[in-house]
Protein backbone atom coordinates (compact mmCIF):
# COMPACT_ATOMS: atom_id res chain seq x y z
CA THR A 1 6.73 -1.13 14.30
CA ALA A 2 5.78 2.44 13.50
CA PRO A 3 3.62 3.13 10.44
CA PRO A 4 5.45 4.41 7.37
CA ASP A 5 5.44 8.06 6.36
CA ASP A 6 2.77 9.23 3.97
CA HIS A 7 3.50 9.36 0.26
CA VAL A 8 1.61 10.70 -2.75
CA HIS A 9 0.91 9.42 -6.25
CA VAL A 10 0.46 12.74 -8.02
CA ALA A 11 -1.16 11.42 -11.20
CA GLN A 12 -2.50 8.01 -10.16
CA ALA A 13 -5.47 6.65 -8.23
CA GLU A 14 -4.57 3.62 -6.11
CA ARG A 15 -7.08 0.87 -5.37
CA LEU A 16 -6.26 -1.64 -2.63
CA GLU A 17 -8.20 -4.83 -2.01
CA VAL A 18 -7.47 -7.09 0.96
CA LEU A 19 -7.54 -10.76 -0.01
CA ALA A 20 -6.45 -12.15 3.39
CA GLY A 21 -5.41 -10.67 6.72
CA THR A 22 -5.65 -7.06 7.83
CA LEU A 23 -4.22 -3.90 6.31
CA ASN A 24 -4.04 -0.40 7.77
CA VAL A 25 -4.40 2.50 5.35
CA ARG A 26 -3.95 6.11 6.46
CA ILE A 27 -5.59 8.60 4.11
CA GLY A 28 -5.49 12.28 4.92
CA GLY A 29 -4.59 11.51 8.55
CA ARG A 30 -7.44 9.02 9.14
CA VAL A 31 -6.58 5.32 9.62
CA HIS A 32 -8.82 2.74 7.95
CA VAL A 33 -8.51 -0.91 9.05
CA LEU A 34 -9.29 -3.16 6.09
CA ARG A 35 -10.01 -6.86 6.46
CA ALA A 36 -10.39 -9.60 3.85
CA GLY A 37 -12.97 -8.61 1.25
CA ALA A 38 -12.61 -4.86 1.82
CA ALA A 39 -11.29 -2.40 -0.75
CA ILE A 40 -10.48 1.29 -0.79
CA VAL A 41 -9.57 3.81 -3.49
CA ILE A 42 -7.05 6.57 -2.83
CA PRO A 43 -7.50 9.51 -5.22
CA PRO A 44 -4.51 11.00 -7.06
CA GLY A 45 -2.61 13.60 -5.04
CA THR A 46 -3.84 12.28 -1.66
CA PRO A 47 -1.22 11.72 1.08
CA HIS A 48 -1.45 8.14 2.33
CA ALA A 49 0.42 5.24 3.94
CA VAL A 50 -0.22 1.49 3.89
CA TRP A 51 1.06 -1.05 6.42
CA ASN A 52 0.40 -4.48 7.87
CA VAL A 53 0.04 -4.95 11.62
CA ASP A 54 -1.44 -8.44 11.34
CA PRO A 55 0.84 -11.08 12.94
CA GLU A 56 -0.09 -13.32 10.02
CA ARG A 57 0.60 -12.53 6.40
CA THR A 58 -1.67 -10.11 4.64
CA ARG A 59 -2.40 -10.53 0.94
CA THR A 60 -3.57 -7.58 -1.10
CA ARG A 61 -4.20 -6.64 -4.68
CA GLY A 62 -3.13 -3.16 -5.74
CA GLU A 63 -4.16 -1.33 -8.88
CA PHE A 64 -2.87 2.00 -10.14
CA ARG A 65 -4.70 4.04 -12.78
CA PRO A 66 -3.13 5.06 -15.01
CA ALA A 67 -0.39 2.47 -14.53
CA LEU A 68 2.45 4.72 -15.76
CA ASP A 69 5.77 3.12 -14.65
CA MET A 70 4.39 1.38 -11.54
CA GLN A 71 5.30 -2.15 -12.70
CA GLN A 72 8.99 -1.26 -12.96
CA ARG A 73 8.95 0.69 -9.68
CA MET A 74 7.37 -2.20 -7.76
CA GLU A 75 9.77 -4.74 -9.25
CA ALA A 76 12.73 -2.56 -8.22
CA MET A 77 11.34 -2.05 -4.71
CA PHE A 78 10.85 -5.78 -4.12
CA ARG A 79 14.29 -6.62 -5.54
CA GLU A 80 15.79 -4.26 -2.94
CA ALA A 81 13.57 -5.43 -0.04
CA PRO A 82 15.69 -8.47 1.01
CA ALA A 83 18.77 -6.24 1.23
CA ARG A 84 16.94 -3.78 3.50
CA VAL A 85 15.68 -6.55 5.80
CA ALA A 86 19.14 -8.10 6.13
CA ARG A 87 20.70 -4.87 7.41
């Protein structure tokens, strides 16, 4: 599976912490491979992409500062996810 396109959070910093598995994070064109226990902060306005290439499940914790409307956006995205997979 190809990595997703980059996206930007204009007014939010994003912190990702890997709890289990492996996560790839592309920031400014450079790919970081994060394993359990690792964390990374993506500054506001920085193009980035996040994806899992681990054959097992990857568990992460994400934090956005300031939160803004991220809770509602994530809930909407995960509600739609099963429909996208079924297509």
